[in-house]
Amino acid sequence: AACGLVGGTSIDTTVYPFLLRGVTLAGIDSAGCPTELRDSLWNRLAGDWAIPQLDEITHEVTLEELGASIEMMREGQHVGRTIVRPGERK
């Protein structure tokens, strides 16, 4: 798993582990884009470029549930993306 901006903005590794596992690391560096272009792109990503199955591969956890979710990642049992909702209860 790669967590964006948790420990910084750089990843010190090779691409081989990702290639061998068929993993795509995709990201957006929009900080240097003009606001108008950035807004347009983010709206398209949320609209006509949206991934149809995103809800199927996304699950939300509270801070209390985060430990179990991280353990699943370590054991290779995690699929998709996890959204942490601090301070919220399900």
N, C-alpha and C. Protein backbone atom coordinates (compact mmCIF):
# COMPACT_ATOMS: atom_id res chain seq x y z
N ALA A 1 0.84 -1.18 0.00
CA ALA A 1 0.00 0.00 0.00
C ALA A 1 0.88 1.24 0.00
N ALA A 2 0.46 2.24 -0.70
CA ALA A 2 1.16 3.53 -0.68
C ALA A 2 0.18 4.57 -0.16
N CYS A 3 0.58 5.26 0.87
CA CYS A 3 -0.28 6.28 1.47
C CYS A 3 0.28 7.64 1.13
N GLY A 4 -0.45 8.41 0.37
CA GLY A 4 0.04 9.71 -0.06
C GLY A 4 0.21 10.69 1.07
N LEU A 5 1.35 11.34 1.09
CA LEU A 5 1.66 12.43 2.00
C LEU A 5 1.70 12.05 3.48
N VAL A 6 1.67 10.77 3.82
CA VAL A 6 1.73 10.38 5.22
C VAL A 6 3.10 10.69 5.79
N GLY A 7 4.15 10.30 5.07
CA GLY A 7 5.50 10.54 5.56
C GLY A 7 6.28 11.52 4.72
N GLY A 8 5.63 12.18 3.81
CA GLY A 8 6.30 13.11 2.91
C GLY A 8 5.77 12.90 1.51
N THR A 9 6.37 13.59 0.57
CA THR A 9 5.87 13.51 -0.80
C THR A 9 6.71 12.62 -1.70
N SER A 10 7.75 12.01 -1.17
CA SER A 10 8.60 11.18 -2.03
C SER A 10 8.54 9.71 -1.60
N ILE A 11 8.75 8.83 -2.56
CA ILE A 11 8.83 7.40 -2.32
C ILE A 11 10.21 6.95 -2.77
N ASP A 12 11.01 6.42 -1.86
CA ASP A 12 12.36 5.98 -2.16
C ASP A 12 12.34 4.47 -2.42
N THR A 13 12.09 4.10 -3.68
CA THR A 13 12.00 2.69 -4.04
C THR A 13 12.22 2.55 -5.54
N THR A 14 12.19 1.31 -6.01
CA THR A 14 12.21 1.06 -7.45
C THR A 14 10.79 0.72 -7.88
N VAL A 15 10.57 0.68 -9.17
CA VAL A 15 9.24 0.35 -9.66
C VAL A 15 9.02 -1.16 -9.78
N TYR A 16 10.08 -1.96 -9.62
CA TYR A 16 9.96 -3.41 -9.83
C TYR A 16 8.89 -4.08 -8.98
N PRO A 17 8.80 -3.82 -7.66
CA PRO A 17 7.74 -4.49 -6.90
C PRO A 17 6.34 -4.17 -7.41
N PHE A 18 6.17 -2.94 -7.88
CA PHE A 18 4.87 -2.55 -8.41
C PHE A 18 4.59 -3.23 -9.75
N LEU A 19 5.60 -3.28 -10.62
CA LEU A 19 5.44 -3.93 -11.92
C LEU A 19 5.14 -5.42 -11.76
N LEU A 20 5.84 -6.08 -10.86
CA LEU A 20 5.65 -7.51 -10.65
C LEU A 20 4.26 -7.85 -10.15
N ARG A 21 3.66 -6.93 -9.43
CA ARG A 21 2.33 -7.17 -8.86
C ARG A 21 1.21 -6.53 -9.69
N GLY A 22 1.58 -5.89 -10.78
CA GLY A 22 0.56 -5.26 -11.62
C GLY A 22 -0.10 -4.06 -10.97
N VAL A 23 0.63 -3.37 -10.08
CA VAL A 23 0.07 -2.23 -9.36
C VAL A 23 0.33 -0.94 -10.13
N THR A 24 -0.65 -0.10 -10.20
CA THR A 24 -0.50 1.22 -10.80
C THR A 24 -0.46 2.25 -9.69
N LEU A 25 0.61 3.02 -9.66
CA LEU A 25 0.68 4.15 -8.73
C LEU A 25 0.30 5.38 -9.52
N ALA A 26 -0.85 5.91 -9.24
CA ALA A 26 -1.33 7.08 -9.96
C ALA A 26 -1.51 8.22 -8.97
N GLY A 27 -1.13 9.39 -9.40
CA GLY A 27 -1.27 10.54 -8.52
C GLY A 27 -1.41 11.81 -9.34
N ILE A 28 -1.76 12.84 -8.65
CA ILE A 28 -1.94 14.13 -9.31
C ILE A 28 -1.16 15.17 -8.53
N ASP A 29 -0.29 15.88 -9.22
CA ASP A 29 0.43 16.99 -8.61
C ASP A 29 -0.20 18.25 -9.17
N SER A 30 -1.22 18.72 -8.49
CA SER A 30 -1.96 19.86 -9.02
C SER A 30 -1.55 21.18 -8.38
N ALA A 31 -0.59 21.15 -7.49
CA ALA A 31 -0.22 22.37 -6.75
C ALA A 31 0.29 23.47 -7.67
N GLY A 32 0.98 23.11 -8.76
CA GLY A 32 1.53 24.11 -9.66
C GLY A 32 0.59 24.54 -10.78
N CYS A 33 -0.58 23.92 -10.86
CA CYS A 33 -1.54 24.26 -11.92
C CYS A 33 -2.33 25.50 -11.55
N PRO A 34 -2.71 26.27 -12.55
CA PRO A 34 -3.60 27.40 -12.27
C PRO A 34 -4.92 26.89 -11.67
N THR A 35 -5.51 27.66 -10.82
CA THR A 35 -6.73 27.26 -10.11
C THR A 35 -7.84 26.85 -11.07
N GLU A 36 -8.02 27.59 -12.15
CA GLU A 36 -9.09 27.29 -13.10
C GLU A 36 -8.89 25.91 -13.73
N LEU A 37 -7.66 25.59 -14.14
CA LEU A 37 -7.37 24.28 -14.73
C LEU A 37 -7.55 23.18 -13.69
N ARG A 38 -7.05 23.42 -12.49
CA ARG A 38 -7.16 22.43 -11.41
C ARG A 38 -8.63 22.13 -11.12
N ASP A 39 -9.46 23.16 -11.00
CA ASP A 39 -10.89 22.96 -10.75
C ASP A 39 -11.53 22.14 -11.87
N SER A 40 -11.18 22.46 -13.10
CA SER A 40 -11.74 21.75 -14.25
C SER A 40 -11.35 20.27 -14.21
N LEU A 41 -10.09 19.99 -13.94
CA LEU A 41 -9.63 18.60 -13.90
C LEU A 41 -10.25 17.82 -12.75
N TRP A 42 -10.31 18.42 -11.57
CA TRP A 42 -10.91 17.74 -10.42
C TRP A 42 -12.40 17.48 -10.67
N ASN A 43 -13.09 18.40 -11.32
CA ASN A 43 -14.50 18.19 -11.65
C ASN A 43 -14.67 17.04 -12.64
N ARG A 44 -13.77 16.94 -13.61
CA ARG A 44 -13.84 15.82 -14.56
C ARG A 44 -13.55 14.50 -13.88
N LEU A 45 -12.57 14.49 -12.96
CA LEU A 45 -12.26 13.27 -12.22
C LEU A 45 -13.44 12.82 -11.36
N ALA A 46 -14.20 13.77 -10.88
CA ALA A 46 -15.38 13.44 -10.08
C ALA A 46 -16.60 13.18 -10.96
N GLY A 47 -16.51 13.52 -12.24
CA GLY A 47 -17.65 13.39 -13.14
C GLY A 47 -17.44 12.32 -14.19
N ASP A 48 -17.24 12.75 -15.44
CA ASP A 48 -17.18 11.80 -16.55
C ASP A 48 -15.93 10.93 -16.56
N TRP A 49 -14.90 11.26 -15.80
CA TRP A 49 -13.71 10.40 -15.69
C TRP A 49 -13.76 9.50 -14.46
N ALA A 50 -14.81 9.59 -13.69
CA ALA A 50 -14.91 8.82 -12.44
C ALA A 50 -14.88 7.32 -12.71
N ILE A 51 -14.33 6.59 -11.79
CA ILE A 51 -14.27 5.12 -11.88
C ILE A 51 -15.62 4.57 -11.44
N PRO A 52 -16.33 3.86 -12.32
CA PRO A 52 -17.68 3.39 -11.98
C PRO A 52 -17.71 2.46 -10.76
N GLN A 53 -16.68 1.65 -10.59
CA GLN A 53 -16.66 0.67 -9.51
C GLN A 53 -16.03 1.20 -8.23
N LEU A 54 -15.80 2.50 -8.13
CA LEU A 54 -15.09 3.05 -6.98
C LEU A 54 -15.78 2.72 -5.66
N ASP A 55 -17.10 2.79 -5.62
CA ASP A 55 -17.80 2.47 -4.38
C ASP A 55 -17.60 1.02 -3.96
N GLU A 56 -17.42 0.14 -4.94
CA GLU A 56 -17.23 -1.28 -4.64
C GLU A 56 -15.87 -1.57 -4.02
N ILE A 57 -14.87 -0.73 -4.31
CA ILE A 57 -13.51 -0.99 -3.80
C ILE A 57 -13.12 -0.01 -2.69
N THR A 58 -14.09 0.74 -2.19
CA THR A 58 -13.83 1.73 -1.15
C THR A 58 -14.57 1.35 0.11
N HIS A 59 -13.88 1.42 1.24
CA HIS A 59 -14.58 1.26 2.51
C HIS A 59 -14.06 2.29 3.51
N GLU A 60 -14.93 2.66 4.43
CA GLU A 60 -14.61 3.68 5.41
C GLU A 60 -14.41 3.04 6.78
N VAL A 61 -13.44 3.57 7.52
CA VAL A 61 -13.20 3.10 8.88
C VAL A 61 -13.08 4.31 9.81
N THR A 62 -13.35 4.07 11.08
CA THR A 62 -13.13 5.09 12.10
C THR A 62 -11.70 4.92 12.61
N LEU A 63 -11.24 5.85 13.41
CA LEU A 63 -9.90 5.70 13.99
C LEU A 63 -9.80 4.43 14.82
N GLU A 64 -10.88 4.07 15.49
CA GLU A 64 -10.88 2.85 16.30
C GLU A 64 -10.69 1.60 15.43
N GLU A 65 -11.17 1.62 14.20
CA GLU A 65 -11.08 0.48 13.30
C GLU A 65 -9.81 0.47 12.46
N LEU A 66 -9.05 1.54 12.52
CA LEU A 66 -7.89 1.69 11.65
C LEU A 66 -6.83 0.61 11.87
N GLY A 67 -6.58 0.24 13.12
CA GLY A 67 -5.58 -0.79 13.41
C GLY A 67 -5.86 -2.09 12.69
N ALA A 68 -7.10 -2.53 12.72
CA ALA A 68 -7.48 -3.78 12.04
C ALA A 68 -7.30 -3.64 10.53
N SER A 69 -7.61 -2.48 9.99
CA SER A 69 -7.46 -2.25 8.56
C SER A 69 -5.99 -2.29 8.15
N ILE A 70 -5.13 -1.68 8.96
CA ILE A 70 -3.69 -1.71 8.67
C ILE A 70 -3.16 -3.13 8.75
N GLU A 71 -3.64 -3.90 9.71
CA GLU A 71 -3.21 -5.30 9.83
C GLU A 71 -3.59 -6.10 8.59
N MET A 72 -4.78 -5.83 8.04
CA MET A 72 -5.20 -6.50 6.81
C MET A 72 -4.26 -6.14 5.66
N MET A 73 -3.81 -4.87 5.60
CA MET A 73 -2.86 -4.45 4.56
C MET A 73 -1.56 -5.23 4.71
N ARG A 74 -1.07 -5.32 5.92
CA ARG A 74 0.19 -6.03 6.17
C ARG A 74 0.11 -7.50 5.79
N GLU A 75 -1.06 -8.09 5.97
CA GLU A 75 -1.26 -9.51 5.66
C GLU A 75 -1.63 -9.75 4.20
N GLY A 76 -1.70 -8.68 3.41
CA GLY A 76 -2.03 -8.83 2.00
C GLY A 76 -3.49 -9.14 1.74
N GLN A 77 -4.37 -8.83 2.69
CA GLN A 77 -5.79 -9.13 2.55
C GLN A 77 -6.62 -7.90 2.21
N HIS A 78 -5.96 -6.79 1.99
CA HIS A 78 -6.67 -5.53 1.74
C HIS A 78 -6.79 -5.30 0.24
N VAL A 79 -7.98 -4.95 -0.20
CA VAL A 79 -8.22 -4.62 -1.60
C VAL A 79 -8.92 -3.27 -1.66
N GLY A 80 -8.49 -2.42 -2.58
CA GLY A 80 -9.17 -1.15 -2.77
C GLY A 80 -8.56 -0.04 -1.94
N ARG A 81 -9.41 0.92 -1.59
CA ARG A 81 -8.93 2.06 -0.83
C ARG A 81 -9.74 2.19 0.45
N THR A 82 -9.09 2.75 1.45
CA THR A 82 -9.73 2.94 2.75
C THR A 82 -9.75 4.43 3.07
N ILE A 83 -10.89 4.90 3.48
CA ILE A 83 -11.05 6.29 3.91
C ILE A 83 -11.20 6.28 5.42
N VAL A 84 -10.33 7.02 6.09
CA VAL A 84 -10.39 7.11 7.55
C VAL A 84 -11.23 8.33 7.92
N ARG A 85 -12.27 8.11 8.69
CA ARG A 85 -13.16 9.17 9.14
C ARG A 85 -12.89 9.42 10.63
N PRO A 86 -11.93 10.30 10.94
CA PRO A 86 -11.64 10.56 12.35
C PRO A 86 -12.81 11.25 13.05
N GLY A 87 -13.10 10.79 14.23
CA GLY A 87 -14.14 11.43 15.02
C GLY A 87 -15.55 11.07 14.64
N GLU A 88 -15.72 10.22 13.64
CA GLU A 88 -17.07 9.84 13.23
C GLU A 88 -17.34 8.41 13.62
N ARG A 89 -18.55 8.13 13.93
CA ARG A 89 -19.00 6.77 14.23
C ARG A 89 -19.93 6.32 13.12
N LYS A 90 -19.89 5.04 12.84
CA LYS A 90 -20.76 4.49 11.80
C LYS A 90 -22.16 4.29 12.33
